[in-house]
C-alpha atoms as a PDB file:
ATOM      1  CA  UNK A   1       9.376  14.768 -21.889  1.00  0.00           C
ATOM      2  CA  UNK A   2      10.231  14.719 -18.070  1.00  0.00           C
ATOM      3  CA  UNK A   3      13.228  13.031 -16.626  1.00  0.00           C
ATOM      4  CA  UNK A   4      14.202   9.773 -18.788  1.00  0.00           C
ATOM      5  CA  UNK A   5      14.571   6.687 -16.567  1.00  0.00           C
ATOM      6  CA  UNK A   6      15.045   4.027 -19.151  1.00  0.00           C
ATOM      7  CA  UNK A   7      15.619   3.738 -22.916  1.00  0.00           C
ATOM      8  CA  UNK A   8      15.732   1.042 -25.522  1.00  0.00           C
ATOM      9  CA  UNK A   9      15.893   0.436 -29.200  1.00  0.00           C
ATOM     10  CA  UNK A  10      12.660  -0.581 -30.582  1.00  0.00           C
ATOM     11  CA  UNK A  11      11.496  -1.305 -34.326  1.00  0.00           C
ATOM     12  CA  UNK A  12      14.131   1.107 -35.781  1.00  0.00           C
ATOM     13  CA  UNK A  13      13.505   3.938 -33.273  1.00  0.00           C
ATOM     14  CA  UNK A  14      14.095   4.702 -29.622  1.00  0.00           C
ATOM     15  CA  UNK A  15      11.618   4.118 -26.811  1.00  0.00           C
ATOM     16  CA  UNK A  16      12.264   6.539 -23.863  1.00  0.00           C
ATOM     17  CA  UNK A  17      10.635   5.893 -20.523  1.00  0.00           C
ATOM     18  CA  UNK A  18       9.635   8.605 -17.962  1.00  0.00           C
ATOM     19  CA  UNK A  19       8.248   7.442 -14.671  1.00  0.00           C
ATOM     20  CA  UNK A  20       4.735   6.460 -16.137  1.00  0.00           C
ATOM     21  CA  UNK A  21       4.936   7.061 -19.890  1.00  0.00           C
ATOM     22  CA  UNK A  22       6.814   5.465 -22.841  1.00  0.00           C
ATOM     23  CA  UNK A  23       7.688   7.993 -25.703  1.00  0.00           C
ATOM     24  CA  UNK A  24       8.588   6.886 -29.158  1.00  0.00           C
ATOM     25  CA  UNK A  25      11.010   8.561 -31.447  1.00  0.00           C
ATOM     26  CA  UNK A  26      10.522   8.790 -35.328  1.00  0.00           C
ATOM     27  CA  UNK A  27      12.122   5.816 -37.107  1.00  0.00           C
ATOM     28  CA  UNK A  28      15.867   6.479 -37.643  1.00  0.00           C
ATOM     29  CA  UNK A  29      15.624   9.827 -35.810  1.00  0.00           C
ATOM     30  CA  UNK A  30      16.089   9.280 -32.174  1.00  0.00           C
ATOM     31  CA  UNK A  31      15.985  13.032 -31.286  1.00  0.00           C
ATOM     32  CA  UNK A  32      12.584  13.632 -32.990  1.00  0.00           C
ATOM     33  CA  UNK A  33       9.490  12.737 -31.053  1.00  0.00           C
ATOM     34  CA  UNK A  34       5.950  13.544 -32.236  1.00  0.00           C
ATOM     35  CA  UNK A  35       4.008  14.882 -29.319  1.00  0.00           C
ATOM     36  CA  UNK A  36       1.152  12.253 -29.483  1.00  0.00           C
ATOM     37  CA  UNK A  37       3.486   9.385 -29.985  1.00  0.00           C
ATOM     38  CA  UNK A  38       3.535   7.929 -26.347  1.00  0.00           C
ATOM     39  CA  UNK A  39       1.661   5.723 -24.005  1.00  0.00           C
ATOM     40  CA  UNK A  40       0.795   5.653 -20.371  1.00  0.00           C
ATOM     41  CA  UNK A  41       1.820   2.692 -18.264  1.00  0.00           C
ATOM     42  CA  UNK A  42      -1.197   1.615 -16.179  1.00  0.00           C
ATOM     43  CA  UNK A  43       0.698   1.192 -12.856  1.00  0.00           C
ATOM     44  CA  UNK A  44       1.149   2.894  -9.617  1.00  0.00           C
ATOM     45  CA  UNK A  45       4.781   1.909  -9.801  1.00  0.00           C
ATOM     46  CA  UNK A  46       7.375   3.643 -11.986  1.00  0.00           C
ATOM     47  CA  UNK A  47       8.977   2.189 -15.008  1.00  0.00           C
ATOM     48  CA  UNK A  48      12.455   0.671 -14.186  1.00  0.00           C
ATOM     49  CA  UNK A  49      13.339  -0.784 -17.580  1.00  0.00           C
ATOM     50  CA  UNK A  50      12.262  -2.168 -20.936  1.00  0.00           C
ATOM     51  CA  UNK A  51      13.330  -4.098 -23.868  1.00  0.00           C
ATOM     52  CA  UNK A  52      12.025  -5.204 -27.361  1.00  0.00           C
ATOM     53  CA  UNK A  53      10.976  -8.878 -27.603  1.00  0.00           C
ATOM     54  CA  UNK A  54       9.690 -10.160 -31.071  1.00  0.00           C
ATOM     55  CA  UNK A  55       8.530  -6.630 -32.167  1.00  0.00           C
ATOM     56  CA  UNK A  56       6.726  -5.898 -28.951  1.00  0.00           C
ATOM     57  CA  UNK A  57       7.930  -3.758 -26.033  1.00  0.00           C
ATOM     58  CA  UNK A  58       8.360  -5.495 -22.555  1.00  0.00           C
ATOM     59  CA  UNK A  59       7.971  -2.789 -19.816  1.00  0.00           C
ATOM     60  CA  UNK A  60       9.144  -3.386 -16.249  1.00  0.00           C
ATOM     61  CA  UNK A  61       8.262  -1.772 -12.928  1.00  0.00           C
ATOM     62  CA  UNK A  62       9.627  -2.606  -9.504  1.00  0.00           C
ATOM     63  CA  UNK A  63       7.250  -5.624  -9.176  1.00  0.00           C
ATOM     64  CA  UNK A  64       5.262  -5.804 -12.562  1.00  0.00           C
ATOM     65  CA  UNK A  65       5.811  -6.660 -16.176  1.00  0.00           C
ATOM     66  CA  UNK A  66       3.725  -5.312 -19.068  1.00  0.00           C
ATOM     67  CA  UNK A  67       3.754  -6.111 -22.777  1.00  0.00           C
ATOM     68  CA  UNK A  68       2.855  -3.388 -25.354  1.00  0.00           C
ATOM     69  CA  UNK A  69       1.814  -4.367 -28.821  1.00  0.00           C
ATOM     70  CA  UNK A  70       2.347  -1.348 -31.013  1.00  0.00           C
ATOM     71  CA  UNK A  71       0.435  -0.123 -34.045  1.00  0.00           C
ATOM     72  CA  UNK A  72       2.100   0.075 -37.556  1.00  0.00           C
ATOM     73  CA  UNK A  73       3.227   3.258 -39.225  1.00  0.00           C
ATOM     74  CA  UNK A  74       4.776   6.380 -37.678  1.00  0.00           C
ATOM     75  CA  UNK A  75       2.535   6.823 -34.755  1.00  0.00           C
ATOM     76  CA  UNK A  76       2.989   3.481 -32.938  1.00  0.00           C
ATOM     77  CA  UNK A  77       1.429   4.520 -29.809  1.00  0.00           C
ATOM     78  CA  UNK A  78      -2.012   3.673 -31.054  1.00  0.00           C
ATOM     79  CA  UNK A  79      -1.619  -0.037 -30.366  1.00  0.00           C
ATOM     80  CA  UNK A  80      -3.293  -2.000 -27.692  1.00  0.00           C
ATOM     81  CA  UNK A  81      -3.002  -0.548 -24.201  1.00  0.00           C
ATOM     82  CA  UNK A  82      -0.074  -2.085 -22.299  1.00  0.00           C
ATOM     83  CA  UNK A  83      -1.094  -5.406 -20.737  1.00  0.00           C
ATOM     84  CA  UNK A  84      -0.103  -6.626 -17.361  1.00  0.00           C
ATOM     85  CA  UNK A  85       1.846  -9.979 -17.760  1.00  0.00           C
ATOM     86  CA  UNK A  86       3.111 -10.661 -14.322  1.00  0.00           C
ATOM     87  CA  UNK A  87       3.057  -9.190 -10.888  1.00  0.00           C
ATOM     88  CA  UNK A  88       5.848  -9.839  -8.272  1.00  0.00           C
ATOM     89  CA  UNK A  89       7.946 -11.193 -11.059  1.00  0.00           C
ATOM     90  CA  UNK A  90      11.229 -10.752  -9.369  1.00  0.00           C
ATOM     91  CA  UNK A  91      10.026 -12.964  -6.559  1.00  0.00           C
ATOM     92  CA  UNK A  92       9.110 -15.716  -8.886  1.00  0.00           C
ATOM     93  CA  UNK A  93      12.348 -15.737 -10.806  1.00  0.00           C
ATOM     94  CA  UNK A  94      14.874 -14.518  -8.139  1.00  0.00           C
ATOM     95  CA  UNK A  95      15.893 -11.577 -10.504  1.00  0.00           C
ATOM     96  CA  UNK A  96      15.136  -7.885 -10.055  1.00  0.00           C
ATOM     97  CA  UNK A  97      14.135  -5.840 -13.139  1.00  0.00           C
ATOM     98  CA  UNK A  98      17.567  -4.213 -13.299  1.00  0.00           C
ATOM     99  CA  UNK A  99      19.014  -7.749 -13.882  1.00  0.00           C
ATOM    100  CA  UNK A 100      16.482  -8.536 -16.454  1.00  0.00           C
ATOM    101  CA  UNK A 101      17.010  -5.432 -18.646  1.00  0.00           C
END
């Protein structure tokens, strides 16, 4: 894993963000990460924050918001690809991604 730019608890594990990837730890073991348990964020912008919302992972870049619906089991990176939910969300709400995370 390269430099971690954000982290959050997620479904009993940790999610760690690098600039363009989200890595998932094993359940209850935040220091263990299976090499294939990650997703790519489909954006030219780097990840700035994320949080869990109703069992899904909300991912922020400087001006976009994505939602990731994970798969069940140990390897949760096999869910649907992250879906772009909003562009320029900070301009619509008046909040930056840092204020929302």
